[in-house]
Amino acid sequence: MRYSRADYAKMLAAQQEVARAEEDYERLRAAYVEIAKNEPGHEVALAMVGADMDRAHAHLQTLIGLPRMPFTHDPSQIVRRETEREQEEKEIV
């Protein structure tokens, strides 16, 4: 299949935007996990980074065309539960 120059440029721009959005989400997710592991009682930092992470996740979903589904809201809560579970497992061992 051949693309016109304009279509090809649009496709490349869309791919770059998705890549940037994914990088933003992963960066915020890593920051959230780091805070949750090292300072689990710092609720303000968790809330602020979590809100940014949730927005980045929603933006990424919009870019790739996924509909908003109930289980995809607030991914920061899911990450937090996973981190707490990992910390509990480390304490048990």
PDB file of N, CA and C in Angstrom:
ATOM      1  N   MET A   1       0.846  -1.175   0.000  1.00  0.00           N
ATOM      2  CA  MET A   1       0.000   0.000   0.000  1.00  0.00           C
ATOM      3  C   MET A   1       0.891   1.238   0.000  1.00  0.00           C
ATOM      4  N   ARG A   2       0.584   2.166  -0.820  1.00  0.00           N
ATOM      5  CA  ARG A   2       1.379   3.381  -0.925  1.00  0.00           C
ATOM      6  C   ARG A   2       0.628   4.540  -0.281  1.00  0.00           C
ATOM      7  N   TYR A   3       1.384   5.379   0.359  1.00  0.00           N
ATOM      8  CA  TYR A   3       0.817   6.561   1.003  1.00  0.00           C
ATOM      9  C   TYR A   3       1.287   7.808   0.268  1.00  0.00           C
ATOM     10  N   SER A   4       0.449   8.811   0.271  1.00  0.00           N
ATOM     11  CA  SER A   4       0.900  10.096  -0.244  1.00  0.00           C
ATOM     12  C   SER A   4       1.846  10.706   0.787  1.00  0.00           C
ATOM     13  N   ARG A   5       2.576  11.698   0.403  1.00  0.00           N
ATOM     14  CA  ARG A   5       3.514  12.334   1.344  1.00  0.00           C
ATOM     15  C   ARG A   5       2.787  12.897   2.559  1.00  0.00           C
ATOM     16  N   ALA A   6       1.651  13.501   2.320  1.00  0.00           N
ATOM     17  CA  ALA A   6       0.892  14.089   3.435  1.00  0.00           C
ATOM     18  C   ALA A   6       0.405  13.009   4.389  1.00  0.00           C
ATOM     19  N   ASP A   7      -0.117  11.903   3.847  1.00  0.00           N
ATOM     20  CA  ASP A   7      -0.584  10.812   4.700  1.00  0.00           C
ATOM     21  C   ASP A   7       0.557  10.192   5.480  1.00  0.00           C
ATOM     22  N   TYR A   8       1.692  10.026   4.813  1.00  0.00           N
ATOM     23  CA  TYR A   8       2.862   9.448   5.478  1.00  0.00           C
ATOM     24  C   TYR A   8       3.347  10.368   6.603  1.00  0.00           C
ATOM     25  N   ALA A   9       3.358  11.660   6.368  1.00  0.00           N
ATOM     26  CA  ALA A   9       3.769  12.618   7.390  1.00  0.00           C
ATOM     27  C   ALA A   9       2.814  12.588   8.584  1.00  0.00           C
ATOM     28  N   LYS A  10       1.532  12.478   8.298  1.00  0.00           N
ATOM     29  CA  LYS A  10       0.542  12.389   9.384  1.00  0.00           C
ATOM     30  C   LYS A  10       0.741  11.117  10.200  1.00  0.00           C
ATOM     31  N   MET A  11       1.015  10.014   9.505  1.00  0.00           N
ATOM     32  CA  MET A  11       1.212   8.737  10.187  1.00  0.00           C
ATOM     33  C   MET A  11       2.458   8.805  11.082  1.00  0.00           C
ATOM     34  N   LEU A  12       3.542   9.381  10.584  1.00  0.00           N
ATOM     35  CA  LEU A  12       4.753   9.513  11.388  1.00  0.00           C
ATOM     36  C   LEU A  12       4.522  10.413  12.596  1.00  0.00           C
ATOM     37  N   ALA A  13       3.800  11.508  12.395  1.00  0.00           N
ATOM     38  CA  ALA A  13       3.504  12.423  13.501  1.00  0.00           C
ATOM     39  C   ALA A  13       2.668  11.722  14.568  1.00  0.00           C
ATOM     40  N   ALA A  14       1.702  10.924  14.139  1.00  0.00           N
ATOM     41  CA  ALA A  14       0.859  10.194  15.089  1.00  0.00           C
ATOM     42  C   ALA A  14       1.683   9.171  15.861  1.00  0.00           C
ATOM     43  N   GLN A  15       2.585   8.478  15.179  1.00  0.00           N
ATOM     44  CA  GLN A  15       3.437   7.506  15.862  1.00  0.00           C
ATOM     45  C   GLN A  15       4.340   8.188  16.888  1.00  0.00           C
ATOM     46  N   GLN A  16       4.872   9.334  16.538  1.00  0.00           N
ATOM     47  CA  GLN A  16       5.733  10.063  17.466  1.00  0.00           C
ATOM     48  C   GLN A  16       4.951  10.567  18.671  1.00  0.00           C
ATOM     49  N   GLU A  17       3.728  11.021  18.440  1.00  0.00           N
ATOM     50  CA  GLU A  17       2.906  11.494  19.546  1.00  0.00           C
ATOM     51  C   GLU A  17       2.551  10.348  20.495  1.00  0.00           C
ATOM     52  N   VAL A  18       2.245   9.186  19.946  1.00  0.00           N
ATOM     53  CA  VAL A  18       1.953   8.018  20.784  1.00  0.00           C
ATOM     54  C   VAL A  18       3.200   7.611  21.564  1.00  0.00           C
ATOM     55  N   ALA A  19       4.353   7.639  20.928  1.00  0.00           N
ATOM     56  CA  ALA A  19       5.600   7.282  21.606  1.00  0.00           C
ATOM     57  C   ALA A  19       5.883   8.256  22.748  1.00  0.00           C
ATOM     58  N   ARG A  20       5.672   9.548  22.525  1.00  0.00           N
ATOM     59  CA  ARG A  20       5.880  10.546  23.591  1.00  0.00           C
ATOM     60  C   ARG A  20       4.909  10.329  24.738  1.00  0.00           C
ATOM     61  N   ALA A  21       3.649  10.055  24.407  1.00  0.00           N
ATOM     62  CA  ALA A  21       2.639   9.833  25.443  1.00  0.00           C
ATOM     63  C   ALA A  21       2.971   8.585  26.255  1.00  0.00           C
ATOM     64  N   GLU A  22       3.448   7.556  25.589  1.00  0.00           N
ATOM     65  CA  GLU A  22       3.820   6.326  26.293  1.00  0.00           C
ATOM     66  C   GLU A  22       5.026   6.557  27.197  1.00  0.00           C
ATOM     67  N   GLU A  23       5.993   7.319  26.727  1.00  0.00           N
ATOM     68  CA  GLU A  23       7.159   7.658  27.541  1.00  0.00           C
ATOM     69  C   GLU A  23       6.751   8.466  28.774  1.00  0.00           C
ATOM     70  N   ASP A  24       5.842   9.436  28.578  1.00  0.00           N
ATOM     71  CA  ASP A  24       5.359  10.227  29.708  1.00  0.00           C
ATOM     72  C   ASP A  24       4.688   9.344  30.746  1.00  0.00           C
ATOM     73  N   TYR A  25       3.818   8.443  30.266  1.00  0.00           N
ATOM     74  CA  TYR A  25       3.113   7.548  31.180  1.00  0.00           C
ATOM     75  C   TYR A  25       4.099   6.664  31.938  1.00  0.00           C
ATOM     76  N   GLU A  26       5.045   6.080  31.239  1.00  0.00           N
ATOM     77  CA  GLU A  26       6.018   5.189  31.885  1.00  0.00           C
ATOM     78  C   GLU A  26       6.892   5.949  32.882  1.00  0.00           C
ATOM     79  N   ARG A  27       7.273   7.181  32.539  1.00  0.00           N
ATOM     80  CA  ARG A  27       8.077   7.998  33.447  1.00  0.00           C
ATOM     81  C   ARG A  27       7.295   8.303  34.724  1.00  0.00           C
ATOM     82  N   LEU A  28       6.040   8.694  34.577  1.00  0.00           N
ATOM     83  CA  LEU A  28       5.211   8.991  35.744  1.00  0.00           C
ATOM     84  C   LEU A  28       4.920   7.733  36.557  1.00  0.00           C
ATOM     85  N   ARG A  29       4.719   6.623  35.872  1.00  0.00           N
ATOM     86  CA  ARG A  29       4.476   5.355  36.572  1.00  0.00           C
ATOM     87  C   ARG A  29       5.696   4.968  37.403  1.00  0.00           C
ATOM     88  N   ALA A  30       6.885   5.119  36.826  1.00  0.00           N
ATOM     89  CA  ALA A  30       8.116   4.799  37.555  1.00  0.00           C
ATOM     90  C   ALA A  30       8.283   5.711  38.771  1.00  0.00           C
ATOM     91  N   ALA A  31       7.953   6.988  38.612  1.00  0.00           N
ATOM     92  CA  ALA A  31       8.040   7.923  39.737  1.00  0.00           C
ATOM     93  C   ALA A  31       7.049   7.539  40.830  1.00  0.00           C
ATOM     94  N   TYR A  32       5.851   7.151  40.427  1.00  0.00           N
ATOM     95  CA  TYR A  32       4.832   6.758  41.397  1.00  0.00           C
ATOM     96  C   TYR A  32       5.271   5.523  42.183  1.00  0.00           C
ATOM     97  N   VAL A  33       5.796   4.532  41.467  1.00  0.00           N
ATOM     98  CA  VAL A  33       6.261   3.304  42.117  1.00  0.00           C
ATOM     99  C   VAL A  33       7.408   3.626  43.075  1.00  0.00           C
ATOM    100  N   GLU A  34       8.308   4.491  42.654  1.00  0.00           N
ATOM    101  CA  GLU A  34       9.443   4.881  43.502  1.00  0.00           C
ATOM    102  C   GLU A  34       8.963   5.533  44.803  1.00  0.00           C
ATOM    103  N   ILE A  35       8.014   6.438  44.690  1.00  0.00           N
ATOM    104  CA  ILE A  35       7.479   7.095  45.889  1.00  0.00           C
ATOM    105  C   ILE A  35       6.743   6.090  46.759  1.00  0.00           C
ATOM    106  N   ALA A  36       5.938   5.237  46.126  1.00  0.00           N
ATOM    107  CA  ALA A  36       5.167   4.249  46.888  1.00  0.00           C
ATOM    108  C   ALA A  36       6.078   3.278  47.637  1.00  0.00           C
ATOM    109  N   LYS A  37       7.221   2.944  47.061  1.00  0.00           N
ATOM    110  CA  LYS A  37       8.150   2.032  47.727  1.00  0.00           C
ATOM    111  C   LYS A  37       8.943   2.719  48.825  1.00  0.00           C
ATOM    112  N   ASN A  38       9.453   3.912  48.538  1.00  0.00           N
ATOM    113  CA  ASN A  38      10.360   4.575  49.467  1.00  0.00           C
ATOM    114  C   ASN A  38       9.675   5.451  50.504  1.00  0.00           C
ATOM    115  N   GLU A  39       8.550   6.045  50.152  1.00  0.00           N
ATOM    116  CA  GLU A  39       7.836   6.924  51.076  1.00  0.00           C
ATOM    117  C   GLU A  39       6.332   6.649  51.012  1.00  0.00           C
ATOM    118  N   PRO A  40       5.899   5.473  51.440  1.00  0.00           N
ATOM    119  CA  PRO A  40       4.479   5.118  51.292  1.00  0.00           C
ATOM    120  C   PRO A  40       3.524   6.017  52.076  1.00  0.00           C
ATOM    121  N   GLY A  41       4.029   6.719  53.077  1.00  0.00           N
ATOM    122  CA  GLY A  41       3.162   7.596  53.863  1.00  0.00           C
ATOM    123  C   GLY A  41       3.030   8.994  53.294  1.00  0.00           C
ATOM    124  N   HIS A  42       3.702   9.292  52.215  1.00  0.00           N
ATOM    125  CA  HIS A  42       3.675  10.624  51.627  1.00  0.00           C
ATOM    126  C   HIS A  42       2.471  10.724  50.685  1.00  0.00           C
ATOM    127  N   GLU A  43       1.309  10.929  51.274  1.00  0.00           N
ATOM    128  CA  GLU A  43       0.039  10.903  50.537  1.00  0.00           C
ATOM    129  C   GLU A  43      -0.065  12.018  49.498  1.00  0.00           C
ATOM    130  N   VAL A  44       0.482  13.199  49.799  1.00  0.00           N
ATOM    131  CA  VAL A  44       0.371  14.317  48.860  1.00  0.00           C
ATOM    132  C   VAL A  44       1.150  14.018  47.583  1.00  0.00           C
ATOM    133  N   ALA A  45       2.368  13.528  47.724  1.00  0.00           N
ATOM    134  CA  ALA A  45       3.176  13.196  46.547  1.00  0.00           C
ATOM    135  C   ALA A  45       2.514  12.090  45.743  1.00  0.00           C
ATOM    136  N   LEU A  46       2.000  11.076  46.423  1.00  0.00           N
ATOM    137  CA  LEU A  46       1.327   9.983  45.719  1.00  0.00           C
ATOM    138  C   LEU A  46       0.096  10.483  44.964  1.00  0.00           C
ATOM    139  N   ALA A  47      -0.652  11.373  45.594  1.00  0.00           N
ATOM    140  CA  ALA A  47      -1.854  11.909  44.948  1.00  0.00           C
ATOM    141  C   ALA A  47      -1.506  12.756  43.733  1.00  0.00           C
ATOM    142  N   MET A  48      -0.479  13.592  43.863  1.00  0.00           N
ATOM    143  CA  MET A  48      -0.108  14.474  42.756  1.00  0.00           C
ATOM    144  C   MET A  48       0.455  13.686  41.573  1.00  0.00           C
ATOM    145  N   VAL A  49       1.404  12.798  41.842  1.00  0.00           N
ATOM    146  CA  VAL A  49       1.983  12.011  40.757  1.00  0.00           C
ATOM    147  C   VAL A  49       0.942  11.040  40.200  1.00  0.00           C
ATOM    148  N   GLY A  50       0.100  10.500  41.078  1.00  0.00           N
ATOM    149  CA  GLY A  50      -0.960   9.594  40.632  1.00  0.00           C
ATOM    150  C   GLY A  50      -1.944  10.276  39.701  1.00  0.00           C
ATOM    151  N   ALA A  51      -2.308  11.510  40.011  1.00  0.00           N
ATOM    152  CA  ALA A  51      -3.232  12.245  39.142  1.00  0.00           C
ATOM    153  C   ALA A  51      -2.598  12.506  37.778  1.00  0.00           C
ATOM    154  N   ASP A  52      -1.326  12.881  37.780  1.00  0.00           N
ATOM    155  CA  ASP A  52      -0.632  13.091  36.504  1.00  0.00           C
ATOM    156  C   ASP A  52      -0.538  11.785  35.717  1.00  0.00           C
ATOM    157  N   MET A  53      -0.262  10.693  36.416  1.00  0.00           N
ATOM    158  CA  MET A  53      -0.167   9.403  35.758  1.00  0.00           C
ATOM    159  C   MET A  53      -1.515   8.996  35.166  1.00  0.00           C
ATOM    160  N   ASP A  54      -2.588   9.244  35.896  1.00  0.00           N
ATOM    161  CA  ASP A  54      -3.923   8.916  35.395  1.00  0.00           C
ATOM    162  C   ASP A  54      -4.260   9.725  34.140  1.00  0.00           C
ATOM    163  N   ARG A  55      -3.894  11.014  34.143  1.00  0.00           N
ATOM    164  CA  ARG A  55      -4.141  11.843  32.963  1.00  0.00           C
ATOM    165  C   ARG A  55      -3.303  11.364  31.778  1.00  0.00           C
ATOM    166  N   ALA A  56      -2.045  11.015  32.025  1.00  0.00           N
ATOM    167  CA  ALA A  56      -1.181  10.527  30.952  1.00  0.00           C
ATOM    168  C   ALA A  56      -1.726   9.217  30.377  1.00  0.00           C
ATOM    169  N   HIS A  57      -2.246   8.362  31.248  1.00  0.00           N
ATOM    170  CA  HIS A  57      -2.827   7.095  30.799  1.00  0.00           C
ATOM    171  C   HIS A  57      -4.074   7.349  29.948  1.00  0.00           C
ATOM    172  N   ALA A  58      -4.920   8.262  30.385  1.00  0.00           N
ATOM    173  CA  ALA A  58      -6.128   8.580  29.624  1.00  0.00           C
ATOM    174  C   ALA A  58      -5.767   9.179  28.262  1.00  0.00           C
ATOM    175  N   HIS A  59      -4.754  10.040  28.241  1.00  0.00           N
ATOM    176  CA  HIS A  59      -4.307  10.639  26.975  1.00  0.00           C
ATOM    177  C   HIS A  59      -3.782   9.561  26.032  1.00  0.00           C
ATOM    178  N   LEU A  60      -3.013   8.645  26.559  1.00  0.00           N
ATOM    179  CA  LEU A  60      -2.470   7.558  25.755  1.00  0.00           C
ATOM    180  C   LEU A  60      -3.592   6.695  25.186  1.00  0.00           C
ATOM    181  N   GLN A  61      -4.585   6.399  26.005  1.00  0.00           N
ATOM    182  CA  GLN A  61      -5.723   5.606  25.528  1.00  0.00           C
ATOM    183  C   GLN A  61      -6.468   6.328  24.417  1.00  0.00           C
ATOM    184  N   THR A  62      -6.632   7.627  24.563  1.00  0.00           N
ATOM    185  CA  THR A  62      -7.318   8.409  23.543  1.00  0.00           C
ATOM    186  C   THR A  62      -6.540   8.381  22.231  1.00  0.00           C
ATOM    187  N   LEU A  63      -5.224   8.525  22.325  1.00  0.00           N
ATOM    188  CA  LEU A  63      -4.397   8.534  21.116  1.00  0.00           C
ATOM    189  C   LEU A  63      -4.456   7.210  20.358  1.00  0.00           C
ATOM    190  N   ILE A  64      -4.484   6.112  21.091  1.00  0.00           N
ATOM    191  CA  ILE A  64      -4.489   4.827  20.395  1.00  0.00           C
ATOM    192  C   ILE A  64      -5.899   4.332  20.086  1.00  0.00           C
ATOM    193  N   GLY A  65      -6.903   5.109  20.485  1.00  0.00           N
ATOM    194  CA  GLY A  65      -8.269   4.820  20.091  1.00  0.00           C
ATOM    195  C   GLY A  65      -9.029   3.864  20.984  1.00  0.00           C
ATOM    196  N   LEU A  66      -8.543   3.665  22.207  1.00  0.00           N
ATOM    197  CA  LEU A  66      -9.271   2.782  23.119  1.00  0.00           C
ATOM    198  C   LEU A  66     -10.394   3.546  23.811  1.00  0.00           C
ATOM    199  N   PRO A  67     -11.548   2.933  23.934  1.00  0.00           N
ATOM    200  CA  PRO A  67     -12.635   3.591  24.668  1.00  0.00           C
ATOM    201  C   PRO A  67     -12.324   3.576  26.161  1.00  0.00           C
ATOM    202  N   ARG A  68     -12.847   4.548  26.868  1.00  0.00           N
ATOM    203  CA  ARG A  68     -12.646   4.572  28.324  1.00  0.00           C
ATOM    204  C   ARG A  68     -13.529   3.503  28.939  1.00  0.00           C
ATOM    205  N   MET A  69     -12.887   2.601  29.661  1.00  0.00           N
ATOM    206  CA  MET A  69     -13.611   1.499  30.279  1.00  0.00           C
ATOM    207  C   MET A  69     -13.477   1.612  31.790  1.00  0.00           C
ATOM    208  N   PRO A  70     -14.440   1.074  32.529  1.00  0.00           N
ATOM    209  CA  PRO A  70     -14.423   1.236  33.987  1.00  0.00           C
ATOM    210  C   PRO A  70     -13.151   0.728  34.642  1.00  0.00           C
ATOM    211  N   PHE A  71     -12.573  -0.346  34.154  1.00  0.00           N
ATOM    212  CA  PHE A  71     -11.402  -0.915  34.806  1.00  0.00           C
ATOM    213  C   PHE A  71     -10.118  -0.164  34.466  1.00  0.00           C
ATOM    214  N   THR A  72     -10.177   0.791  33.542  1.00  0.00           N
ATOM    215  CA  THR A  72      -8.973   1.537  33.187  1.00  0.00           C
ATOM    216  C   THR A  72      -8.880   2.874  33.904  1.00  0.00           C
ATOM    217  N   HIS A  73      -9.886   3.241  34.654  1.00  0.00           N
ATOM    218  CA  HIS A  73      -9.831   4.495  35.390  1.00  0.00           C
ATOM    219  C   HIS A  73      -8.886   4.363  36.575  1.00  0.00           C
ATOM    220  N   ASP A  74      -8.202   5.413  36.874  1.00  0.00           N
ATOM    221  CA  ASP A  74      -7.287   5.476  38.013  1.00  0.00           C
ATOM    222  C   ASP A  74      -6.278   4.335  38.037  1.00  0.00           C
ATOM    223  N   PRO A  75      -5.438   4.226  37.019  1.00  0.00           N
ATOM    224  CA  PRO A  75      -4.419   3.177  37.046  1.00  0.00           C
ATOM    225  C   PRO A  75      -3.444   3.359  38.202  1.00  0.00           C
ATOM    226  N   SER A  76      -3.375   4.572  38.751  1.00  0.00           N
ATOM    227  CA  SER A  76      -2.474   4.793  39.878  1.00  0.00           C
ATOM    228  C   SER A  76      -2.890   3.957  41.085  1.00  0.00           C
ATOM    229  N   GLN A  77      -4.180   3.743  41.257  1.00  0.00           N
ATOM    230  CA  GLN A  77      -4.643   2.919  42.374  1.00  0.00           C
ATOM    231  C   GLN A  77      -4.198   1.468  42.200  1.00  0.00           C
ATOM    232  N   ILE A  78      -4.219   1.003  40.971  1.00  0.00           N
ATOM    233  CA  ILE A  78      -3.791  -0.368  40.694  1.00  0.00           C
ATOM    234  C   ILE A  78      -2.300  -0.511  40.959  1.00  0.00           C
ATOM    235  N   VAL A  79      -1.518   0.468  40.492  1.00  0.00           N
ATOM    236  CA  VAL A  79      -0.071   0.442  40.710  1.00  0.00           C
ATOM    237  C   VAL A  79       0.238   0.497  42.198  1.00  0.00           C
ATOM    238  N   ARG A  80      -0.512   1.299  42.919  1.00  0.00           N
ATOM    239  CA  ARG A  80      -0.286   1.410  44.361  1.00  0.00           C
ATOM    240  C   ARG A  80      -0.564   0.081  45.065  1.00  0.00           C
ATOM    241  N   ARG A  81      -1.652  -0.575  44.697  1.00  0.00           N
ATOM    242  CA  ARG A  81      -1.957  -1.872  45.302  1.00  0.00           C
ATOM    243  C   ARG A  81      -0.874  -2.894  44.991  1.00  0.00           C
ATOM    244  N   GLU A  82      -0.390  -2.888  43.737  1.00  0.00           N
ATOM    245  CA  GLU A  82       0.676  -3.814  43.359  1.00  0.00           C
ATOM    246  C   GLU A  82       1.944  -3.542  44.166  1.00  0.00           C
ATOM    247  N   THR A  83       2.282  -2.281  44.342  1.00  0.00           N
ATOM    248  CA  THR A  83       3.478  -1.919  45.092  1.00  0.00           C
ATOM    249  C   THR A  83       3.340  -2.311  46.552  1.00  0.00           C
ATOM    250  N   GLU A  84       2.167  -2.069  47.134  1.00  0.00           N
ATOM    251  CA  GLU A  84       1.944  -2.460  48.530  1.00  0.00           C
ATOM    252  C   GLU A  84       2.045  -3.977  48.684  1.00  0.00           C
ATOM    253  N   ARG A  85       1.498  -4.708  47.719  1.00  0.00           N
ATOM    254  CA  ARG A  85       1.565  -6.171  47.762  1.00  0.00           C
ATOM    255  C   ARG A  85       3.016  -6.634  47.679  1.00  0.00           C
ATOM    256  N   GLU A  86       3.818  -6.014  46.817  1.00  0.00           N
ATOM    257  CA  GLU A  86       5.225  -6.372  46.705  1.00  0.00           C
ATOM    258  C   GLU A  86       5.983  -6.095  48.018  1.00  0.00           C
ATOM    259  N   GLN A  87       5.675  -4.962  48.643  1.00  0.00           N
ATOM    260  CA  GLN A  87       6.327  -4.606  49.902  1.00  0.00           C
ATOM    261  C   GLN A  87       5.960  -5.607  50.987  1.00  0.00           C
ATOM    262  N   GLU A  88       4.701  -6.023  51.032  1.00  0.00           N
ATOM    263  CA  GLU A  88       4.271  -7.011  52.022  1.00  0.00           C
ATOM    264  C   GLU A  88       4.957  -8.341  51.794  1.00  0.00           C
ATOM    265  N   GLU A  89       5.114  -8.744  50.534  1.00  0.00           N
ATOM    266  CA  GLU A  89       5.800 -10.002  50.238  1.00  0.00           C
ATOM    267  C   GLU A  89       7.253  -9.944  50.654  1.00  0.00           C
ATOM    268  N   LYS A  90       7.906  -8.804  50.475  1.00  0.00           N
ATOM    269  CA  LYS A  90       9.301  -8.652  50.888  1.00  0.00           C
ATOM    270  C   LYS A  90       9.429  -8.734  52.405  1.00  0.00           C
ATOM    271  N   GLU A  91       8.456  -8.179  53.124  1.00  0.00           N
ATOM    272  CA  GLU A  91       8.503  -8.204  54.578  1.00  0.00           C
ATOM    273  C   GLU A  91       8.310  -9.620  55.113  1.00  0.00           C
ATOM    274  N   ILE A  92       7.498 -10.407  54.426  1.00  0.00           N
ATOM    275  CA  ILE A  92       7.211 -11.772  54.866  1.00  0.00           C
ATOM    276  C   ILE A  92       8.441 -12.652  54.664  1.00  0.00           C
ATOM    277  N   VAL A  93       9.131 -12.458  53.572  1.00  0.00           N
ATOM    278  CA  VAL A  93      10.291 -13.300  53.244  1.00  0.00           C
ATOM    279  C   VAL A  93      11.447 -12.930  54.064  1.00  0.00           C
TER     280      VAL A  93
END
